[in-house]
Amino acid sequence: METEISGCRLLSVAAGGVFRGSADVERADIGGTVEGSLTVREILTVRASGRIHSDSISYGELELDRGGTVTATLQLLGEEAK
């Protein structure tokens, strides 16, 4: 099942968890798997156990722990989008 999230403060996917769909959030902390598009207006954190498979990810800041993987086109958000 795919989900669409918009206007949330935090998307948190714990290790072993899966999120499928699209999300437009302030912050994201990814320790599990994300399949879908992401817009993270502030900080996107991908933990060592995190896996993101997406066509596109837009973000304000990116923190990628060693071992975490991101397969996507990355786009840094401009100041006007924050």
PDB file of N, CA and C in Angstrom:
ATOM      1  N   MET A   1       0.833  -1.169   0.000  1.00  0.00           N
ATOM      2  CA  MET A   1       0.000   0.000   0.000  1.00  0.00           C
ATOM      3  C   MET A   1       0.883   1.238   0.000  1.00  0.00           C
ATOM      4  N   GLU A   2       0.549   2.212  -0.844  1.00  0.00           N
ATOM      5  CA  GLU A   2       1.294   3.459  -0.899  1.00  0.00           C
ATOM      6  C   GLU A   2       0.536   4.547  -0.162  1.00  0.00           C
ATOM      7  N   THR A   3       1.305   5.450   0.455  1.00  0.00           N
ATOM      8  CA  THR A   3       0.745   6.512   1.266  1.00  0.00           C
ATOM      9  C   THR A   3       1.286   7.847   0.792  1.00  0.00           C
ATOM     10  N   GLU A   4       0.499   8.895   0.964  1.00  0.00           N
ATOM     11  CA  GLU A   4       0.954  10.253   0.673  1.00  0.00           C
ATOM     12  C   GLU A   4       0.872  11.058   1.962  1.00  0.00           C
ATOM     13  N   ILE A   5       2.015  11.663   2.353  1.00  0.00           N
ATOM     14  CA  ILE A   5       2.090  12.465   3.568  1.00  0.00           C
ATOM     15  C   ILE A   5       2.502  13.876   3.172  1.00  0.00           C
ATOM     16  N   SER A   6       1.811  14.861   3.741  1.00  0.00           N
ATOM     17  CA  SER A   6       2.149  16.248   3.444  1.00  0.00           C
ATOM     18  C   SER A   6       1.953  17.090   4.701  1.00  0.00           C
ATOM     19  N   GLY A   7       2.850  18.034   4.913  1.00  0.00           N
ATOM     20  CA  GLY A   7       2.708  18.969   6.021  1.00  0.00           C
ATOM     21  C   GLY A   7       3.080  18.426   7.381  1.00  0.00           C
ATOM     22  N   CYS A   8       3.724  17.286   7.449  1.00  0.00           N
ATOM     23  CA  CYS A   8       4.131  16.707   8.738  1.00  0.00           C
ATOM     24  C   CYS A   8       5.479  17.280   9.168  1.00  0.00           C
ATOM     25  N   ARG A   9       5.719  17.234  10.452  1.00  0.00           N
ATOM     26  CA  ARG A   9       6.998  17.698  10.972  1.00  0.00           C
ATOM     27  C   ARG A   9       8.091  16.658  10.798  1.00  0.00           C
ATOM     28  N   LEU A  10       7.765  15.367  11.027  1.00  0.00           N
ATOM     29  CA  LEU A  10       8.795  14.330  11.013  1.00  0.00           C
ATOM     30  C   LEU A  10       8.286  13.044  10.390  1.00  0.00           C
ATOM     31  N   LEU A  11       9.065  12.514   9.470  1.00  0.00           N
ATOM     32  CA  LEU A  11       8.852  11.159   8.960  1.00  0.00           C
ATOM     33  C   LEU A  11       9.979  10.325   9.543  1.00  0.00           C
ATOM     34  N   SER A  12       9.628   9.324  10.343  1.00  0.00           N
ATOM     35  CA  SER A  12      10.618   8.452  10.956  1.00  0.00           C
ATOM     36  C   SER A  12      10.327   7.021  10.537  1.00  0.00           C
ATOM     37  N   VAL A  13      11.323   6.387   9.905  1.00  0.00           N
ATOM     38  CA  VAL A  13      11.196   4.987   9.500  1.00  0.00           C
ATOM     39  C   VAL A  13      12.303   4.226  10.235  1.00  0.00           C
ATOM     40  N   ALA A  14      11.904   3.408  11.199  1.00  0.00           N
ATOM     41  CA  ALA A  14      12.861   2.667  12.027  1.00  0.00           C
ATOM     42  C   ALA A  14      13.485   1.517  11.236  1.00  0.00           C
ATOM     43  N   ALA A  15      14.623   1.039  11.702  1.00  0.00           N
ATOM     44  CA  ALA A  15      15.291  -0.111  11.091  1.00  0.00           C
ATOM     45  C   ALA A  15      14.297  -1.259  10.981  1.00  0.00           C
ATOM     46  N   GLY A  16      14.210  -1.851   9.805  1.00  0.00           N
ATOM     47  CA  GLY A  16      13.266  -2.935   9.556  1.00  0.00           C
ATOM     48  C   GLY A  16      11.923  -2.445   9.042  1.00  0.00           C
ATOM     49  N   GLY A  17      11.636  -1.151   9.197  1.00  0.00           N
ATOM     50  CA  GLY A  17      10.376  -0.583   8.730  1.00  0.00           C
ATOM     51  C   GLY A  17      10.432  -0.226   7.255  1.00  0.00           C
ATOM     52  N   VAL A  18       9.248  -0.088   6.638  1.00  0.00           N
ATOM     53  CA  VAL A  18       9.161   0.252   5.211  1.00  0.00           C
ATOM     54  C   VAL A  18       8.109   1.337   5.025  1.00  0.00           C
ATOM     55  N   PHE A  19       8.452   2.364   4.247  1.00  0.00           N
ATOM     56  CA  PHE A  19       7.499   3.393   3.843  1.00  0.00           C
ATOM     57  C   PHE A  19       7.464   3.415   2.323  1.00  0.00           C
ATOM     58  N   ARG A  20       6.253   3.298   1.750  1.00  0.00           N
ATOM     59  CA  ARG A  20       6.078   3.361   0.299  1.00  0.00           C
ATOM     60  C   ARG A  20       5.107   4.487  -0.008  1.00  0.00           C
ATOM     61  N   GLY A  21       5.520   5.398  -0.890  1.00  0.00           N
ATOM     62  CA  GLY A  21       4.644   6.496  -1.268  1.00  0.00           C
ATOM     63  C   GLY A  21       5.432   7.778  -1.410  1.00  0.00           C
ATOM     64  N   SER A  22       4.766   8.907  -1.152  1.00  0.00           N
ATOM     65  CA  SER A  22       5.431  10.202  -1.246  1.00  0.00           C
ATOM     66  C   SER A  22       5.248  10.956   0.055  1.00  0.00           C
ATOM     67  N   ALA A  23       6.245  11.774   0.386  1.00  0.00           N
ATOM     68  CA  ALA A  23       6.196  12.540   1.624  1.00  0.00           C
ATOM     69  C   ALA A  23       6.783  13.925   1.401  1.00  0.00           C
ATOM     70  N   ASP A  24       6.116  14.921   1.961  1.00  0.00           N
ATOM     71  CA  ASP A  24       6.594  16.301   1.984  1.00  0.00           C
ATOM     72  C   ASP A  24       6.588  16.690   3.460  1.00  0.00           C
ATOM     73  N   VAL A  25       7.774  16.683   4.084  1.00  0.00           N
ATOM     74  CA  VAL A  25       7.884  16.851   5.532  1.00  0.00           C
ATOM     75  C   VAL A  25       8.989  17.842   5.878  1.00  0.00           C
ATOM     76  N   GLU A  26       9.011  18.280   7.133  1.00  0.00           N
ATOM     77  CA  GLU A  26      10.074  19.170   7.591  1.00  0.00           C
ATOM     78  C   GLU A  26      11.378  18.403   7.792  1.00  0.00           C
ATOM     79  N   ARG A  27      11.313  17.253   8.478  1.00  0.00           N
ATOM     80  CA  ARG A  27      12.499  16.453   8.776  1.00  0.00           C
ATOM     81  C   ARG A  27      12.198  14.986   8.515  1.00  0.00           C
ATOM     82  N   ALA A  28      13.232  14.219   8.173  1.00  0.00           N
ATOM     83  CA  ALA A  28      13.066  12.779   7.988  1.00  0.00           C
ATOM     84  C   ALA A  28      14.271  12.064   8.591  1.00  0.00           C
ATOM     85  N   ASP A  29      13.989  10.987   9.319  1.00  0.00           N
ATOM     86  CA  ASP A  29      15.020  10.159   9.930  1.00  0.00           C
ATOM     87  C   ASP A  29      14.762   8.739   9.445  1.00  0.00           C
ATOM     88  N   ILE A  30      15.636   8.261   8.552  1.00  0.00           N
ATOM     89  CA  ILE A  30      15.404   6.998   7.860  1.00  0.00           C
ATOM     90  C   ILE A  30      16.400   5.938   8.324  1.00  0.00           C
ATOM     91  N   GLY A  31      15.876   4.916   9.000  1.00  0.00           N
ATOM     92  CA  GLY A  31      16.685   3.782   9.419  1.00  0.00           C
ATOM     93  C   GLY A  31      16.243   2.510   8.718  1.00  0.00           C
ATOM     94  N   GLY A  32      15.070   2.557   8.103  1.00  0.00           N
ATOM     95  CA  GLY A  32      14.521   1.424   7.367  1.00  0.00           C
ATOM     96  C   GLY A  32      14.571   1.693   5.873  1.00  0.00           C
ATOM     97  N   THR A  33      13.520   1.291   5.164  1.00  0.00           N
ATOM     98  CA  THR A  33      13.482   1.423   3.707  1.00  0.00           C
ATOM     99  C   THR A  33      12.392   2.400   3.288  1.00  0.00           C
ATOM    100  N   VAL A  34      12.741   3.283   2.364  1.00  0.00           N
ATOM    101  CA  VAL A  34      11.774   4.214   1.771  1.00  0.00           C
ATOM    102  C   VAL A  34      11.772   3.985   0.270  1.00  0.00           C
ATOM    103  N   GLU A  35      10.577   3.793  -0.282  1.00  0.00           N
ATOM    104  CA  GLU A  35      10.396   3.650  -1.728  1.00  0.00           C
ATOM    105  C   GLU A  35       9.379   4.687  -2.164  1.00  0.00           C
ATOM    106  N   GLY A  36       9.844   5.741  -2.809  1.00  0.00           N
ATOM    107  CA  GLY A  36       8.944   6.800  -3.254  1.00  0.00           C
ATOM    108  C   GLY A  36       9.643   8.138  -3.221  1.00  0.00           C
ATOM    109  N   SER A  37       8.909   9.189  -3.552  1.00  0.00           N
ATOM    110  CA  SER A  37       9.512  10.513  -3.620  1.00  0.00           C
ATOM    111  C   SER A  37       9.470  11.203  -2.262  1.00  0.00           C
ATOM    112  N   LEU A  38      10.526  11.976  -1.983  1.00  0.00           N
ATOM    113  CA  LEU A  38      10.635  12.684  -0.710  1.00  0.00           C
ATOM    114  C   LEU A  38      10.979  14.145  -0.948  1.00  0.00           C
ATOM    115  N   THR A  39      10.319  15.010  -0.207  1.00  0.00           N
ATOM    116  CA  THR A  39      10.721  16.403  -0.078  1.00  0.00           C
ATOM    117  C   THR A  39      10.893  16.641   1.414  1.00  0.00           C
ATOM    118  N   VAL A  40      12.122  16.960   1.803  1.00  0.00           N
ATOM    119  CA  VAL A  40      12.442  17.186   3.206  1.00  0.00           C
ATOM    120  C   VAL A  40      12.972  18.612   3.300  1.00  0.00           C
ATOM    121  N   ARG A  41      12.186  19.484   3.888  1.00  0.00           N
ATOM    122  CA  ARG A  41      12.486  20.916   3.884  1.00  0.00           C
ATOM    123  C   ARG A  41      13.661  21.297   4.783  1.00  0.00           C
ATOM    124  N   GLU A  42      13.911  20.510   5.810  1.00  0.00           N
ATOM    125  CA  GLU A  42      15.040  20.803   6.697  1.00  0.00           C
ATOM    126  C   GLU A  42      16.104  19.722   6.552  1.00  0.00           C
ATOM    127  N   ILE A  43      16.156  18.768   7.483  1.00  0.00           N
ATOM    128  CA  ILE A  43      17.250  17.789   7.495  1.00  0.00           C
ATOM    129  C   ILE A  43      16.742  16.383   7.179  1.00  0.00           C
ATOM    130  N   LEU A  44      17.369  15.768   6.184  1.00  0.00           N
ATOM    131  CA  LEU A  44      17.142  14.360   5.859  1.00  0.00           C
ATOM    132  C   LEU A  44      18.314  13.571   6.430  1.00  0.00           C
ATOM    133  N   THR A  45      18.028  12.686   7.380  1.00  0.00           N
ATOM    134  CA  THR A  45      19.055  11.841   7.985  1.00  0.00           C
ATOM    135  C   THR A  45      18.827  10.406   7.537  1.00  0.00           C
ATOM    136  N   VAL A  46      19.861   9.816   6.939  1.00  0.00           N
ATOM    137  CA  VAL A  46      19.800   8.414   6.524  1.00  0.00           C
ATOM    138  C   VAL A  46      20.791   7.654   7.394  1.00  0.00           C
ATOM    139  N   ARG A  47      20.277   6.788   8.239  1.00  0.00           N
ATOM    140  CA  ARG A  47      21.093   6.007   9.160  1.00  0.00           C
ATOM    141  C   ARG A  47      21.826   4.893   8.415  1.00  0.00           C
ATOM    142  N   ALA A  48      22.766   4.235   9.084  1.00  0.00           N
ATOM    143  CA  ALA A  48      23.557   3.169   8.461  1.00  0.00           C
ATOM    144  C   ALA A  48      22.678   2.043   7.928  1.00  0.00           C
ATOM    145  N   SER A  49      21.555   1.789   8.570  1.00  0.00           N
ATOM    146  CA  SER A  49      20.641   0.734   8.125  1.00  0.00           C
ATOM    147  C   SER A  49      19.602   1.250   7.124  1.00  0.00           C
ATOM    148  N   GLY A  50      19.640   2.538   6.818  1.00  0.00           N
ATOM    149  CA  GLY A  50      18.639   3.158   5.951  1.00  0.00           C
ATOM    150  C   GLY A  50      18.870   2.893   4.472  1.00  0.00           C
ATOM    151  N   ARG A  51      17.767   2.738   3.747  1.00  0.00           N
ATOM    152  CA  ARG A  51      17.798   2.512   2.303  1.00  0.00           C
ATOM    153  C   ARG A  51      16.695   3.362   1.674  1.00  0.00           C
ATOM    154  N   ILE A  52      17.072   4.203   0.725  1.00  0.00           N
ATOM    155  CA  ILE A  52      16.075   4.998   0.009  1.00  0.00           C
ATOM    156  C   ILE A  52      16.191   4.681  -1.470  1.00  0.00           C
ATOM    157  N   HIS A  53      15.061   4.306  -2.074  1.00  0.00           N
ATOM    158  CA  HIS A  53      14.973   4.029  -3.508  1.00  0.00           C
ATOM    159  C   HIS A  53      13.900   4.966  -4.048  1.00  0.00           C
ATOM    160  N   SER A  54      14.324   5.969  -4.822  1.00  0.00           N
ATOM    161  CA  SER A  54      13.403   7.020  -5.228  1.00  0.00           C
ATOM    162  C   SER A  54      13.809   7.585  -6.581  1.00  0.00           C
ATOM    163  N   ASP A  55      12.823   8.118  -7.294  1.00  0.00           N
ATOM    164  CA  ASP A  55      13.144   8.857  -8.513  1.00  0.00           C
ATOM    165  C   ASP A  55      13.791  10.185  -8.154  1.00  0.00           C
ATOM    166  N   SER A  56      13.255  10.846  -7.114  1.00  0.00           N
ATOM    167  CA  SER A  56      13.800  12.148  -6.739  1.00  0.00           C
ATOM    168  C   SER A  56      13.641  12.418  -5.251  1.00  0.00           C
ATOM    169  N   ILE A  57      14.649  13.096  -4.712  1.00  0.00           N
ATOM    170  CA  ILE A  57      14.626  13.542  -3.325  1.00  0.00           C
ATOM    171  C   ILE A  57      15.065  15.003  -3.322  1.00  0.00           C
ATOM    172  N   SER A  58      14.255  15.850  -2.703  1.00  0.00           N
ATOM    173  CA  SER A  58      14.614  17.254  -2.486  1.00  0.00           C
ATOM    174  C   SER A  58      14.830  17.424  -0.998  1.00  0.00           C
ATOM    175  N   TYR A  59      15.860  18.176  -0.622  1.00  0.00           N
ATOM    176  CA  TYR A  59      16.209  18.291   0.793  1.00  0.00           C
ATOM    177  C   TYR A  59      16.857  19.637   1.087  1.00  0.00           C
ATOM    178  N   GLY A  60      16.779  20.053   2.354  1.00  0.00           N
ATOM    179  CA  GLY A  60      17.466  21.255   2.813  1.00  0.00           C
ATOM    180  C   GLY A  60      18.892  20.940   3.221  1.00  0.00           C
ATOM    181  N   GLU A  61      19.062  19.891   4.035  1.00  0.00           N
ATOM    182  CA  GLU A  61      20.372  19.391   4.449  1.00  0.00           C
ATOM    183  C   GLU A  61      20.320  17.869   4.429  1.00  0.00           C
ATOM    184  N   LEU A  62      21.468  17.244   4.186  1.00  0.00           N
ATOM    185  CA  LEU A  62      21.534  15.787   4.100  1.00  0.00           C
ATOM    186  C   LEU A  62      22.606  15.263   5.043  1.00  0.00           C
ATOM    187  N   GLU A  63      22.228  14.294   5.882  1.00  0.00           N
ATOM    188  CA  GLU A  63      23.173  13.578   6.734  1.00  0.00           C
ATOM    189  C   GLU A  63      23.076  12.109   6.353  1.00  0.00           C
ATOM    190  N   LEU A  64      24.164  11.548   5.854  1.00  0.00           N
ATOM    191  CA  LEU A  64      24.181  10.155   5.397  1.00  0.00           C
ATOM    192  C   LEU A  64      25.235   9.400   6.186  1.00  0.00           C
ATOM    193  N   ASP A  65      24.779   8.472   7.046  1.00  0.00           N
ATOM    194  CA  ASP A  65      25.706   7.661   7.825  1.00  0.00           C
ATOM    195  C   ASP A  65      26.381   6.635   6.922  1.00  0.00           C
ATOM    196  N   ARG A  66      27.592   6.258   7.284  1.00  0.00           N
ATOM    197  CA  ARG A  66      28.316   5.228   6.558  1.00  0.00           C
ATOM    198  C   ARG A  66      27.482   3.947   6.549  1.00  0.00           C
ATOM    199  N   GLY A  67      27.257   3.385   5.369  1.00  0.00           N
ATOM    200  CA  GLY A  67      26.466   2.173   5.229  1.00  0.00           C
ATOM    201  C   GLY A  67      25.064   2.444   4.711  1.00  0.00           C
ATOM    202  N   GLY A  68      24.554   3.655   4.934  1.00  0.00           N
ATOM    203  CA  GLY A  68      23.239   4.014   4.398  1.00  0.00           C
ATOM    204  C   GLY A  68      23.318   4.166   2.886  1.00  0.00           C
ATOM    205  N   THR A  69      22.229   3.845   2.180  1.00  0.00           N
ATOM    206  CA  THR A  69      22.257   3.964   0.723  1.00  0.00           C
ATOM    207  C   THR A  69      21.088   4.792   0.220  1.00  0.00           C
ATOM    208  N   VAL A  70      21.383   5.572  -0.807  1.00  0.00           N
ATOM    209  CA  VAL A  70      20.373   6.398  -1.466  1.00  0.00           C
ATOM    210  C   VAL A  70      20.520   6.190  -2.960  1.00  0.00           C
ATOM    211  N   THR A  71      19.447   5.725  -3.583  1.00  0.00           N
ATOM    212  CA  THR A  71      19.413   5.559  -5.024  1.00  0.00           C
ATOM    213  C   THR A  71      18.339   6.511  -5.524  1.00  0.00           C
ATOM    214  N   ALA A  72      18.781   7.690  -5.986  1.00  0.00           N
ATOM    215  CA  ALA A  72      17.813   8.728  -6.361  1.00  0.00           C
ATOM    216  C   ALA A  72      18.539   9.881  -7.036  1.00  0.00           C
ATOM    217  N   THR A  73      17.770  10.737  -7.680  1.00  0.00           N
ATOM    218  CA  THR A  73      18.264  12.027  -8.124  1.00  0.00           C
ATOM    219  C   THR A  73      18.078  12.983  -6.957  1.00  0.00           C
ATOM    220  N   LEU A  74      19.162  13.605  -6.502  1.00  0.00           N
ATOM    221  CA  LEU A  74      19.120  14.493  -5.347  1.00  0.00           C
ATOM    222  C   LEU A  74      19.038  15.940  -5.790  1.00  0.00           C
ATOM    223  N   GLN A  75      18.185  16.718  -5.110  1.00  0.00           N
ATOM    224  CA  GLN A  75      18.018  18.135  -5.429  1.00  0.00           C
ATOM    225  C   GLN A  75      18.056  18.933  -4.138  1.00  0.00           C
ATOM    226  N   LEU A  76      19.020  19.830  -4.014  1.00  0.00           N
ATOM    227  CA  LEU A  76      19.108  20.713  -2.861  1.00  0.00           C
ATOM    228  C   LEU A  76      18.049  21.794  -2.996  1.00  0.00           C
ATOM    229  N   LEU A  77      17.237  21.949  -1.953  1.00  0.00           N
ATOM    230  CA  LEU A  77      16.201  22.981  -1.969  1.00  0.00           C
ATOM    231  C   LEU A  77      16.835  24.359  -1.819  1.00  0.00           C
ATOM    232  N   GLY A  78      16.296  25.329  -2.534  1.00  0.00           N
ATOM    233  CA  GLY A  78      16.756  26.704  -2.384  1.00  0.00           C
ATOM    234  C   GLY A  78      16.131  27.338  -1.164  1.00  0.00           C
ATOM    235  N   GLU A  79      16.652  28.474  -0.767  1.00  0.00           N
ATOM    236  CA  GLU A  79      16.137  29.178   0.403  1.00  0.00           C
ATOM    237  C   GLU A  79      14.643  29.488   0.284  1.00  0.00           C
ATOM    238  N   GLU A  80      14.158  29.765  -0.916  1.00  0.00           N
ATOM    239  CA  GLU A  80      12.749  30.110  -1.104  1.00  0.00           C
ATOM    240  C   GLU A  80      11.813  28.941  -0.792  1.00  0.00           C
ATOM    241  N   ALA A  81      12.301  27.701  -0.860  1.00  0.00           N
ATOM    242  CA  ALA A  81      11.448  26.516  -0.617  1.00  0.00           C
ATOM    243  C   ALA A  81      11.414  26.147   0.861  1.00  0.00           C
ATOM    244  N   LYS A  82      12.322  26.677   1.672  1.00  0.00           N
ATOM    245  CA  LYS A  82      12.388  26.322   3.090  1.00  0.00           C
ATOM    246  C   LYS A  82      11.355  27.016   3.838  1.00  0.00           C
TER     247      LYS A  82
END
